N, C-alpha and C. Protein backbone atom coordinates (compact mmCIF):
# COMPACT_ATOMS: atom_id res chain seq x y z
N MET A 1 -2.58 9.77 12.78
CA MET A 1 -3.10 8.65 12.02
C MET A 1 -4.46 9.03 11.43
N ASP A 2 -4.72 8.59 10.23
CA ASP A 2 -5.97 8.85 9.53
C ASP A 2 -7.13 8.24 10.32
N PRO A 3 -8.20 9.03 10.59
CA PRO A 3 -9.33 8.50 11.35
C PRO A 3 -9.98 7.29 10.67
N ASN A 4 -9.97 7.26 9.34
CA ASN A 4 -10.53 6.11 8.63
C ASN A 4 -9.75 4.84 8.92
N HIS A 5 -8.42 4.97 8.99
CA HIS A 5 -7.58 3.81 9.33
C HIS A 5 -7.89 3.34 10.74
N THR A 6 -8.07 4.30 11.67
CA THR A 6 -8.37 3.96 13.05
C THR A 6 -9.72 3.27 13.14
N ASP A 7 -10.74 3.82 12.46
CA ASP A 7 -12.06 3.22 12.46
C ASP A 7 -12.03 1.82 11.86
N LEU A 8 -11.29 1.67 10.77
CA LEU A 8 -11.20 0.37 10.11
C LEU A 8 -10.51 -0.64 11.02
N THR A 9 -9.41 -0.24 11.62
CA THR A 9 -8.69 -1.15 12.52
C THR A 9 -9.58 -1.56 13.68
N ARG A 10 -10.30 -0.59 14.25
CA ARG A 10 -11.21 -0.88 15.36
C ARG A 10 -12.31 -1.84 14.91
N SER A 11 -12.92 -1.56 13.76
CA SER A 11 -14.00 -2.42 13.25
C SER A 11 -13.51 -3.83 12.94
N LEU A 12 -12.31 -3.93 12.36
CA LEU A 12 -11.74 -5.25 12.08
C LEU A 12 -11.54 -6.03 13.37
N SER A 13 -11.00 -5.37 14.37
CA SER A 13 -10.74 -6.01 15.65
C SER A 13 -12.04 -6.44 16.33
N GLU A 14 -13.03 -5.55 16.34
CA GLU A 14 -14.30 -5.87 16.98
C GLU A 14 -15.06 -6.95 16.20
N ALA A 15 -15.00 -6.89 14.87
CA ALA A 15 -15.66 -7.91 14.06
C ALA A 15 -15.03 -9.27 14.31
N ALA A 16 -13.71 -9.30 14.45
CA ALA A 16 -13.02 -10.56 14.76
C ALA A 16 -13.43 -11.09 16.12
N GLY A 17 -13.80 -10.16 17.04
CA GLY A 17 -14.26 -10.56 18.36
C GLY A 17 -15.71 -10.99 18.38
N GLY A 18 -16.37 -10.94 17.24
CA GLY A 18 -17.75 -11.43 17.14
C GLY A 18 -18.81 -10.35 17.14
N SER A 19 -18.42 -9.08 17.12
CA SER A 19 -19.39 -7.98 17.14
C SER A 19 -20.09 -7.88 15.79
N ARG A 20 -21.40 -8.13 15.81
CA ARG A 20 -22.20 -8.04 14.58
C ARG A 20 -22.27 -6.60 14.08
N GLN A 21 -22.39 -5.65 15.00
CA GLN A 21 -22.47 -4.24 14.63
C GLN A 21 -21.18 -3.80 13.94
N ALA A 22 -20.03 -4.23 14.46
CA ALA A 22 -18.74 -3.87 13.84
C ALA A 22 -18.65 -4.45 12.44
N ALA A 23 -19.13 -5.67 12.26
CA ALA A 23 -19.11 -6.29 10.93
C ALA A 23 -19.97 -5.49 9.96
N GLU A 24 -21.10 -4.98 10.44
CA GLU A 24 -21.97 -4.16 9.59
C GLU A 24 -21.35 -2.80 9.28
N GLU A 25 -20.55 -2.27 10.21
CA GLU A 25 -19.88 -0.99 10.00
C GLU A 25 -18.70 -1.11 9.05
N LEU A 26 -18.20 -2.30 8.88
CA LEU A 26 -17.00 -2.52 8.10
C LEU A 26 -17.17 -2.18 6.62
N LEU A 27 -18.25 -2.61 5.99
CA LEU A 27 -18.44 -2.38 4.56
C LEU A 27 -18.36 -0.91 4.17
N PRO A 28 -19.07 0.01 4.85
CA PRO A 28 -18.95 1.42 4.44
C PRO A 28 -17.52 1.95 4.56
N LEU A 29 -16.75 1.41 5.49
CA LEU A 29 -15.38 1.88 5.68
C LEU A 29 -14.44 1.43 4.56
N VAL A 30 -14.74 0.29 3.95
CA VAL A 30 -13.82 -0.26 2.93
C VAL A 30 -14.38 -0.22 1.52
N TYR A 31 -15.67 0.06 1.37
CA TYR A 31 -16.31 -0.06 0.06
C TYR A 31 -15.65 0.82 -1.00
N GLU A 32 -15.45 2.09 -0.71
CA GLU A 32 -14.89 2.99 -1.72
C GLU A 32 -13.49 2.57 -2.14
N GLU A 33 -12.68 2.15 -1.18
CA GLU A 33 -11.32 1.69 -1.49
C GLU A 33 -11.37 0.42 -2.34
N LEU A 34 -12.23 -0.52 -1.96
CA LEU A 34 -12.37 -1.75 -2.76
C LEU A 34 -12.88 -1.41 -4.17
N ARG A 35 -13.82 -0.49 -4.26
CA ARG A 35 -14.38 -0.10 -5.56
C ARG A 35 -13.30 0.54 -6.43
N ARG A 36 -12.45 1.38 -5.81
CA ARG A 36 -11.35 2.02 -6.55
C ARG A 36 -10.36 0.97 -7.05
N LEU A 37 -10.03 0.02 -6.20
CA LEU A 37 -9.10 -1.04 -6.60
C LEU A 37 -9.69 -1.89 -7.74
N ALA A 38 -10.95 -2.24 -7.61
CA ALA A 38 -11.60 -3.04 -8.64
C ALA A 38 -11.71 -2.27 -9.94
N ALA A 39 -12.05 -0.99 -9.87
CA ALA A 39 -12.17 -0.17 -11.09
C ALA A 39 -10.81 -0.05 -11.77
N ALA A 40 -9.75 0.11 -10.99
CA ALA A 40 -8.40 0.19 -11.58
C ALA A 40 -8.06 -1.12 -12.27
N ARG A 41 -8.38 -2.22 -11.66
CA ARG A 41 -8.08 -3.53 -12.25
C ARG A 41 -8.93 -3.76 -13.50
N MET A 42 -10.20 -3.41 -13.43
CA MET A 42 -11.10 -3.66 -14.56
C MET A 42 -10.78 -2.74 -15.73
N ALA A 43 -10.14 -1.61 -15.49
CA ALA A 43 -9.76 -0.71 -16.58
C ALA A 43 -8.76 -1.39 -17.52
N HIS A 44 -8.07 -2.41 -17.03
CA HIS A 44 -7.08 -3.12 -17.84
C HIS A 44 -7.67 -4.32 -18.57
N GLU A 45 -8.95 -4.57 -18.35
CA GLU A 45 -9.61 -5.70 -19.01
C GLU A 45 -10.04 -5.30 -20.42
N ALA A 46 -10.27 -6.29 -21.24
CA ALA A 46 -10.72 -6.06 -22.61
C ALA A 46 -12.08 -5.37 -22.61
N SER A 47 -12.32 -4.55 -23.62
CA SER A 47 -13.63 -3.90 -23.70
C SER A 47 -14.69 -4.97 -23.88
N GLY A 48 -15.86 -4.69 -23.36
CA GLY A 48 -16.94 -5.67 -23.43
C GLY A 48 -16.83 -6.75 -22.38
N HIS A 49 -15.95 -6.56 -21.40
CA HIS A 49 -15.79 -7.54 -20.34
C HIS A 49 -17.11 -7.66 -19.59
N THR A 50 -17.53 -8.86 -19.29
CA THR A 50 -18.83 -9.07 -18.67
C THR A 50 -18.85 -8.81 -17.18
N LEU A 51 -17.70 -8.78 -16.54
CA LEU A 51 -17.63 -8.55 -15.11
C LEU A 51 -17.37 -7.06 -14.86
N GLN A 52 -18.24 -6.43 -14.11
CA GLN A 52 -18.11 -5.01 -13.80
C GLN A 52 -17.40 -4.85 -12.46
N ALA A 53 -16.80 -3.67 -12.26
CA ALA A 53 -16.06 -3.41 -11.02
C ALA A 53 -16.95 -3.57 -9.79
N THR A 54 -18.17 -3.08 -9.87
CA THR A 54 -19.09 -3.20 -8.73
C THR A 54 -19.37 -4.66 -8.42
N ALA A 55 -19.58 -5.46 -9.45
CA ALA A 55 -19.82 -6.89 -9.24
C ALA A 55 -18.58 -7.56 -8.64
N LEU A 56 -17.40 -7.14 -9.09
CA LEU A 56 -16.17 -7.68 -8.54
C LEU A 56 -16.06 -7.37 -7.05
N VAL A 57 -16.36 -6.13 -6.66
CA VAL A 57 -16.32 -5.74 -5.25
C VAL A 57 -17.33 -6.56 -4.45
N HIS A 58 -18.54 -6.67 -4.95
CA HIS A 58 -19.58 -7.39 -4.21
C HIS A 58 -19.21 -8.86 -4.05
N GLU A 59 -18.73 -9.47 -5.10
CA GLU A 59 -18.33 -10.88 -5.01
C GLU A 59 -17.16 -11.04 -4.04
N ALA A 60 -16.20 -10.14 -4.10
CA ALA A 60 -15.07 -10.21 -3.17
C ALA A 60 -15.56 -10.03 -1.73
N TRP A 61 -16.49 -9.11 -1.52
CA TRP A 61 -17.02 -8.88 -0.18
C TRP A 61 -17.71 -10.13 0.35
N VAL A 62 -18.51 -10.78 -0.49
CA VAL A 62 -19.20 -12.00 -0.08
C VAL A 62 -18.17 -13.06 0.32
N ARG A 63 -17.12 -13.18 -0.46
CA ARG A 63 -16.10 -14.17 -0.14
C ARG A 63 -15.33 -13.82 1.13
N LEU A 64 -15.09 -12.53 1.33
CA LEU A 64 -14.34 -12.11 2.52
C LEU A 64 -15.15 -12.28 3.79
N THR A 65 -16.44 -12.04 3.72
CA THR A 65 -17.26 -12.06 4.93
C THR A 65 -18.13 -13.30 5.05
N GLY A 66 -18.23 -14.08 4.00
CA GLY A 66 -19.12 -15.23 4.02
C GLY A 66 -18.52 -16.47 4.66
N GLY A 67 -17.19 -16.49 4.82
CA GLY A 67 -16.54 -17.66 5.39
C GLY A 67 -16.74 -17.75 6.88
N ALA A 68 -16.48 -18.91 7.39
CA ALA A 68 -16.62 -19.13 8.82
C ALA A 68 -15.46 -18.49 9.57
N ASP A 69 -15.79 -17.70 10.58
CA ASP A 69 -14.80 -17.15 11.50
C ASP A 69 -13.63 -16.46 10.81
N GLN A 70 -13.92 -15.52 9.94
CA GLN A 70 -12.87 -14.77 9.22
C GLN A 70 -12.29 -13.72 10.15
N ARG A 71 -10.98 -13.68 10.28
CA ARG A 71 -10.32 -12.71 11.15
C ARG A 71 -9.22 -12.01 10.37
N TRP A 72 -9.18 -10.68 10.50
CA TRP A 72 -8.13 -9.89 9.88
C TRP A 72 -7.35 -9.20 10.99
N GLU A 73 -6.06 -9.28 10.90
CA GLU A 73 -5.20 -8.71 11.94
C GLU A 73 -5.21 -7.18 11.90
N ASN A 74 -5.27 -6.62 10.69
CA ASN A 74 -5.21 -5.17 10.54
C ASN A 74 -5.65 -4.80 9.13
N ARG A 75 -5.55 -3.51 8.82
CA ARG A 75 -5.94 -3.01 7.50
C ARG A 75 -5.17 -3.70 6.39
N ALA A 76 -3.86 -3.85 6.58
CA ALA A 76 -3.01 -4.48 5.57
C ALA A 76 -3.47 -5.90 5.29
N HIS A 77 -3.74 -6.65 6.34
CA HIS A 77 -4.19 -8.03 6.18
C HIS A 77 -5.52 -8.08 5.43
N PHE A 78 -6.43 -7.16 5.77
CA PHE A 78 -7.73 -7.14 5.10
C PHE A 78 -7.58 -6.88 3.60
N PHE A 79 -6.80 -5.83 3.23
CA PHE A 79 -6.68 -5.49 1.81
C PHE A 79 -5.87 -6.53 1.04
N ALA A 80 -4.94 -7.21 1.70
CA ALA A 80 -4.25 -8.33 1.04
C ALA A 80 -5.25 -9.44 0.76
N ALA A 81 -6.13 -9.72 1.72
CA ALA A 81 -7.17 -10.74 1.52
C ALA A 81 -8.14 -10.31 0.41
N ALA A 82 -8.46 -9.03 0.35
CA ALA A 82 -9.36 -8.52 -0.70
C ALA A 82 -8.71 -8.67 -2.07
N SER A 83 -7.42 -8.37 -2.17
CA SER A 83 -6.70 -8.53 -3.45
C SER A 83 -6.71 -9.99 -3.88
N GLU A 84 -6.49 -10.88 -2.94
CA GLU A 84 -6.50 -12.32 -3.26
C GLU A 84 -7.89 -12.77 -3.69
N ALA A 85 -8.92 -12.26 -3.04
CA ALA A 85 -10.30 -12.61 -3.42
C ALA A 85 -10.59 -12.13 -4.84
N MET A 86 -10.18 -10.89 -5.16
CA MET A 86 -10.39 -10.37 -6.52
C MET A 86 -9.61 -11.20 -7.53
N ARG A 87 -8.42 -11.60 -7.17
CA ARG A 87 -7.61 -12.45 -8.07
C ARG A 87 -8.37 -13.74 -8.38
N ARG A 88 -8.85 -14.39 -7.37
CA ARG A 88 -9.55 -15.67 -7.58
C ARG A 88 -10.81 -15.49 -8.43
N ILE A 89 -11.52 -14.40 -8.21
CA ILE A 89 -12.73 -14.14 -9.00
C ILE A 89 -12.37 -13.92 -10.47
N LEU A 90 -11.35 -13.11 -10.74
CA LEU A 90 -10.93 -12.86 -12.12
C LEU A 90 -10.44 -14.14 -12.79
N ILE A 91 -9.71 -14.97 -12.05
CA ILE A 91 -9.22 -16.23 -12.61
C ILE A 91 -10.39 -17.16 -12.92
N GLU A 92 -11.32 -17.28 -12.00
CA GLU A 92 -12.49 -18.12 -12.25
C GLU A 92 -13.27 -17.64 -13.46
N ASN A 93 -13.43 -16.34 -13.58
CA ASN A 93 -14.14 -15.77 -14.72
C ASN A 93 -13.41 -16.05 -16.03
N ALA A 94 -12.08 -15.89 -16.01
CA ALA A 94 -11.29 -16.16 -17.22
C ALA A 94 -11.36 -17.64 -17.58
N ARG A 95 -11.28 -18.51 -16.60
CA ARG A 95 -11.36 -19.95 -16.87
C ARG A 95 -12.73 -20.33 -17.42
N ARG A 96 -13.77 -19.74 -16.87
CA ARG A 96 -15.12 -20.02 -17.37
C ARG A 96 -15.23 -19.61 -18.84
N LYS A 97 -14.73 -18.43 -19.17
CA LYS A 97 -14.77 -17.97 -20.56
C LYS A 97 -13.94 -18.86 -21.47
N ALA A 98 -12.78 -19.30 -20.96
CA ALA A 98 -11.91 -20.15 -21.77
C ALA A 98 -12.58 -21.49 -22.05
N ARG A 99 -13.31 -22.03 -21.08
CA ARG A 99 -14.02 -23.30 -21.29
C ARG A 99 -15.10 -23.14 -22.35
N ILE A 100 -15.72 -21.99 -22.37
CA ILE A 100 -16.80 -21.74 -23.34
C ILE A 100 -16.25 -21.74 -24.76
N LYS A 101 -15.04 -21.23 -24.93
CA LYS A 101 -14.44 -21.11 -26.26
C LYS A 101 -13.84 -22.43 -26.70
N HIS A 102 -14.61 -23.26 -27.30
CA HIS A 102 -14.13 -24.50 -27.93
C HIS A 102 -13.09 -25.22 -27.10
N GLY A 103 -13.42 -25.51 -25.88
CA GLY A 103 -12.50 -26.27 -25.07
C GLY A 103 -11.43 -25.43 -24.40
N GLY A 104 -11.45 -24.13 -24.61
CA GLY A 104 -10.52 -23.27 -23.90
C GLY A 104 -9.09 -23.31 -24.39
N ASN A 105 -8.87 -23.56 -25.68
CA ASN A 105 -7.49 -23.57 -26.18
C ASN A 105 -6.85 -22.21 -25.98
N LEU A 106 -5.72 -22.18 -25.33
CA LEU A 106 -5.02 -20.92 -25.11
C LEU A 106 -4.24 -20.54 -26.36
N VAL A 107 -4.18 -19.26 -26.61
CA VAL A 107 -3.47 -18.73 -27.77
C VAL A 107 -2.09 -18.30 -27.32
N ARG A 108 -1.07 -18.62 -28.14
CA ARG A 108 0.28 -18.19 -27.82
C ARG A 108 0.37 -16.67 -28.00
N LEU A 109 0.85 -16.00 -26.97
CA LEU A 109 0.93 -14.55 -26.99
C LEU A 109 2.39 -14.12 -26.88
N GLU A 110 2.76 -13.13 -27.67
CA GLU A 110 4.09 -12.54 -27.56
C GLU A 110 4.06 -11.54 -26.43
N ILE A 111 4.97 -11.67 -25.47
CA ILE A 111 4.95 -10.77 -24.33
C ILE A 111 6.19 -9.90 -24.24
N GLU A 112 7.01 -9.94 -25.27
CA GLU A 112 8.21 -9.12 -25.27
C GLU A 112 7.85 -7.65 -25.08
N GLY A 113 8.39 -7.06 -24.04
CA GLY A 113 8.15 -5.64 -23.78
C GLY A 113 6.77 -5.33 -23.24
N LEU A 114 5.99 -6.33 -22.93
CA LEU A 114 4.64 -6.13 -22.45
C LEU A 114 4.65 -5.71 -20.99
N ASP A 115 3.93 -4.65 -20.67
CA ASP A 115 3.77 -4.25 -19.28
C ASP A 115 2.72 -5.15 -18.67
N LEU A 116 3.05 -5.81 -17.58
CA LEU A 116 2.16 -6.77 -16.96
C LEU A 116 0.81 -6.16 -16.62
N MET A 117 0.80 -4.90 -16.18
CA MET A 117 -0.45 -4.26 -15.81
C MET A 117 -1.31 -3.96 -17.03
N ALA A 118 -0.74 -3.95 -18.23
CA ALA A 118 -1.51 -3.65 -19.42
C ALA A 118 -2.16 -4.90 -20.02
N ALA A 119 -1.90 -6.05 -19.44
CA ALA A 119 -2.49 -7.29 -19.95
C ALA A 119 -4.00 -7.18 -19.87
N SER A 120 -4.68 -7.58 -20.94
CA SER A 120 -6.12 -7.39 -20.92
C SER A 120 -6.90 -8.65 -21.27
N SER A 121 -6.29 -9.61 -21.87
CA SER A 121 -7.06 -10.77 -22.31
C SER A 121 -7.19 -11.81 -21.20
N ASP A 122 -8.26 -12.57 -21.29
CA ASP A 122 -8.47 -13.65 -20.33
C ASP A 122 -7.33 -14.67 -20.40
N GLU A 123 -6.82 -14.90 -21.61
CA GLU A 123 -5.71 -15.84 -21.74
C GLU A 123 -4.48 -15.35 -20.99
N MET A 124 -4.22 -14.04 -21.05
CA MET A 124 -3.05 -13.51 -20.34
C MET A 124 -3.25 -13.62 -18.83
N ILE A 125 -4.46 -13.39 -18.35
CA ILE A 125 -4.73 -13.53 -16.92
C ILE A 125 -4.45 -14.96 -16.48
N LEU A 126 -4.89 -15.92 -17.29
CA LEU A 126 -4.64 -17.32 -16.95
C LEU A 126 -3.16 -17.66 -16.99
N LEU A 127 -2.45 -17.15 -18.00
CA LEU A 127 -1.01 -17.39 -18.07
C LEU A 127 -0.29 -16.78 -16.87
N VAL A 128 -0.67 -15.58 -16.51
CA VAL A 128 -0.05 -14.92 -15.35
C VAL A 128 -0.36 -15.70 -14.08
N ASP A 129 -1.59 -16.15 -13.93
CA ASP A 129 -1.96 -16.89 -12.72
C ASP A 129 -1.17 -18.20 -12.62
N GLU A 130 -1.04 -18.92 -13.72
CA GLU A 130 -0.27 -20.16 -13.70
C GLU A 130 1.19 -19.90 -13.35
N ALA A 131 1.76 -18.86 -13.93
CA ALA A 131 3.15 -18.50 -13.61
C ALA A 131 3.26 -18.04 -12.17
N LEU A 132 2.27 -17.30 -11.69
CA LEU A 132 2.28 -16.83 -10.32
C LEU A 132 2.25 -18.00 -9.33
N GLU A 133 1.49 -19.02 -9.64
CA GLU A 133 1.45 -20.20 -8.77
C GLU A 133 2.85 -20.80 -8.64
N ARG A 134 3.59 -20.89 -9.74
CA ARG A 134 4.96 -21.42 -9.70
C ARG A 134 5.88 -20.46 -8.95
N PHE A 135 5.70 -19.17 -9.17
CA PHE A 135 6.54 -18.15 -8.53
C PHE A 135 6.36 -18.15 -7.02
N GLN A 136 5.12 -18.32 -6.56
CA GLN A 136 4.85 -18.28 -5.12
C GLN A 136 5.51 -19.44 -4.39
N VAL A 137 5.77 -20.54 -5.09
CA VAL A 137 6.50 -21.64 -4.47
C VAL A 137 7.93 -21.20 -4.20
N GLU A 138 8.52 -20.47 -5.14
CA GLU A 138 9.90 -20.00 -5.01
C GLU A 138 10.02 -18.81 -4.06
N ASP A 139 9.08 -17.87 -4.14
CA ASP A 139 9.20 -16.65 -3.36
C ASP A 139 7.81 -16.11 -2.99
N PRO A 140 7.22 -16.63 -1.90
CA PRO A 140 5.87 -16.22 -1.53
C PRO A 140 5.73 -14.73 -1.21
N GLU A 141 6.76 -14.11 -0.64
CA GLU A 141 6.67 -12.69 -0.30
C GLU A 141 6.53 -11.82 -1.56
N LYS A 142 7.33 -12.09 -2.57
CA LYS A 142 7.21 -11.32 -3.81
C LYS A 142 5.91 -11.68 -4.52
N GLY A 143 5.44 -12.91 -4.34
CA GLY A 143 4.16 -13.31 -4.90
C GLY A 143 3.01 -12.47 -4.36
N LYS A 144 3.09 -12.07 -3.08
CA LYS A 144 2.07 -11.21 -2.50
C LYS A 144 2.04 -9.86 -3.21
N ILE A 145 3.21 -9.37 -3.57
CA ILE A 145 3.29 -8.08 -4.28
C ILE A 145 2.60 -8.20 -5.64
N VAL A 146 2.83 -9.30 -6.34
CA VAL A 146 2.19 -9.51 -7.65
C VAL A 146 0.68 -9.53 -7.49
N VAL A 147 0.19 -10.26 -6.49
CA VAL A 147 -1.26 -10.35 -6.27
C VAL A 147 -1.84 -8.96 -6.00
N MET A 148 -1.18 -8.20 -5.12
CA MET A 148 -1.72 -6.89 -4.76
C MET A 148 -1.65 -5.90 -5.92
N LYS A 149 -0.58 -5.94 -6.71
CA LYS A 149 -0.44 -4.98 -7.82
C LYS A 149 -1.24 -5.43 -9.04
N PHE A 150 -1.06 -6.67 -9.47
CA PHE A 150 -1.69 -7.11 -10.71
C PHE A 150 -3.18 -7.38 -10.54
N PHE A 151 -3.54 -8.10 -9.49
CA PHE A 151 -4.94 -8.47 -9.31
C PHE A 151 -5.69 -7.48 -8.43
N GLY A 152 -5.01 -6.83 -7.50
CA GLY A 152 -5.66 -5.88 -6.61
C GLY A 152 -5.60 -4.46 -7.09
N GLY A 153 -4.66 -4.15 -8.00
CA GLY A 153 -4.55 -2.81 -8.55
C GLY A 153 -3.94 -1.79 -7.60
N LEU A 154 -3.26 -2.24 -6.54
CA LEU A 154 -2.66 -1.32 -5.59
C LEU A 154 -1.43 -0.65 -6.19
N THR A 155 -1.14 0.56 -5.75
CA THR A 155 0.07 1.26 -6.17
C THR A 155 1.25 0.75 -5.34
N ASN A 156 2.46 1.13 -5.76
CA ASN A 156 3.65 0.75 -5.00
C ASN A 156 3.56 1.27 -3.57
N GLN A 157 3.09 2.49 -3.41
CA GLN A 157 2.97 3.08 -2.08
C GLN A 157 1.97 2.30 -1.22
N GLU A 158 0.84 1.93 -1.80
CA GLU A 158 -0.17 1.17 -1.05
C GLU A 158 0.35 -0.21 -0.67
N VAL A 159 1.06 -0.86 -1.59
CA VAL A 159 1.64 -2.17 -1.27
C VAL A 159 2.67 -2.03 -0.15
N ALA A 160 3.50 -0.99 -0.24
CA ALA A 160 4.52 -0.77 0.79
C ALA A 160 3.87 -0.58 2.15
N GLU A 161 2.83 0.23 2.22
CA GLU A 161 2.12 0.44 3.48
C GLU A 161 1.50 -0.86 3.98
N THR A 162 0.91 -1.61 3.08
CA THR A 162 0.27 -2.86 3.45
C THR A 162 1.26 -3.87 4.01
N LEU A 163 2.42 -3.97 3.39
CA LEU A 163 3.42 -4.96 3.80
C LEU A 163 4.40 -4.43 4.85
N GLY A 164 4.36 -3.13 5.10
CA GLY A 164 5.27 -2.56 6.08
C GLY A 164 6.71 -2.50 5.61
N VAL A 165 6.90 -2.23 4.31
CA VAL A 165 8.24 -2.10 3.73
C VAL A 165 8.32 -0.75 3.02
N THR A 166 9.50 -0.42 2.52
CA THR A 166 9.64 0.84 1.80
C THR A 166 9.09 0.70 0.38
N GLU A 167 8.75 1.84 -0.19
CA GLU A 167 8.26 1.85 -1.58
C GLU A 167 9.36 1.36 -2.53
N ARG A 168 10.60 1.72 -2.24
CA ARG A 168 11.73 1.27 -3.07
C ARG A 168 11.86 -0.25 -3.04
N THR A 169 11.62 -0.86 -1.89
CA THR A 169 11.65 -2.32 -1.79
C THR A 169 10.59 -2.93 -2.69
N VAL A 170 9.40 -2.35 -2.68
CA VAL A 170 8.32 -2.84 -3.53
C VAL A 170 8.71 -2.70 -5.00
N GLU A 171 9.28 -1.56 -5.37
CA GLU A 171 9.70 -1.34 -6.76
C GLU A 171 10.70 -2.41 -7.20
N ARG A 172 11.71 -2.68 -6.36
CA ARG A 172 12.72 -3.68 -6.70
C ARG A 172 12.10 -5.07 -6.81
N GLN A 173 11.28 -5.43 -5.83
CA GLN A 173 10.68 -6.76 -5.84
C GLN A 173 9.68 -6.92 -6.97
N TRP A 174 8.95 -5.87 -7.31
CA TRP A 174 8.01 -5.91 -8.44
C TRP A 174 8.77 -6.09 -9.75
N ALA A 175 9.88 -5.37 -9.91
CA ALA A 175 10.70 -5.51 -11.12
C ALA A 175 11.21 -6.94 -11.25
N TYR A 176 11.70 -7.52 -10.16
CA TYR A 176 12.18 -8.89 -10.18
C TYR A 176 11.04 -9.85 -10.52
N ALA A 177 9.90 -9.66 -9.86
CA ALA A 177 8.76 -10.56 -10.08
C ALA A 177 8.28 -10.49 -11.53
N LYS A 178 8.21 -9.28 -12.11
CA LYS A 178 7.79 -9.17 -13.52
C LYS A 178 8.75 -9.90 -14.43
N ALA A 179 10.06 -9.72 -14.20
CA ALA A 179 11.05 -10.39 -15.05
C ALA A 179 10.91 -11.91 -14.91
N TRP A 180 10.74 -12.37 -13.69
CA TRP A 180 10.59 -13.81 -13.47
C TRP A 180 9.34 -14.34 -14.17
N LEU A 181 8.23 -13.62 -14.04
CA LEU A 181 6.97 -14.05 -14.66
C LEU A 181 7.07 -14.03 -16.19
N PHE A 182 7.67 -12.99 -16.75
CA PHE A 182 7.85 -12.93 -18.21
C PHE A 182 8.64 -14.13 -18.70
N ARG A 183 9.74 -14.41 -18.03
CA ARG A 183 10.60 -15.53 -18.43
C ARG A 183 9.83 -16.85 -18.33
N ASP A 184 9.08 -17.02 -17.24
CA ASP A 184 8.33 -18.25 -17.04
C ASP A 184 7.21 -18.41 -18.08
N ILE A 185 6.51 -17.32 -18.35
CA ILE A 185 5.41 -17.39 -19.33
C ILE A 185 5.99 -17.68 -20.72
N ARG A 186 7.08 -17.04 -21.06
CA ARG A 186 7.72 -17.26 -22.35
C ARG A 186 8.15 -18.72 -22.49
N ALA A 187 8.72 -19.30 -21.42
CA ALA A 187 9.18 -20.69 -21.45
C ALA A 187 8.00 -21.66 -21.56
N ALA A 188 6.86 -21.30 -20.95
CA ALA A 188 5.70 -22.18 -20.96
C ALA A 188 4.91 -22.09 -22.28
N ALA A 189 5.06 -20.98 -23.00
CA ALA A 189 4.28 -20.76 -24.23
C ALA A 189 4.82 -21.56 -25.39
């Protein structure tokens, strides 16, 4: 087993037990991975985006550690929570920008053949988030994959490790989720 995974698991467990030192050790163990995930996600944003990857990581960290009695079962649980925190930050940022633009009127976008990961506009992020909310009611497990891939920037292999499934399972479920989201966004537009 990778020593970093062991250290992270130990720190998560000790931090959950109330160890202040373990909580302080946690950030250096996860910072580079969170920064890589945020940078991958921000690479898909429109140029001139006001939110930087470092700011996204810092805001996600504050949300992850600022709550009362936050407990993570393991590495997978932590990175799933980090992906969800990044998702919420990006959605809030997109909504704020949309409100600024003359009441936030959304523009109809053609998504035929569009790769979900290539979406770059704030409007597309909002459309995906709204569709994802509906999708998670139908299939919460596949919804987790969407959050980790689209908002967290994880690879199929990383998602598979996080969820404890095969990479092929992630590929199939991601393909289904993308098709479902495309159909839902098209119907809503």
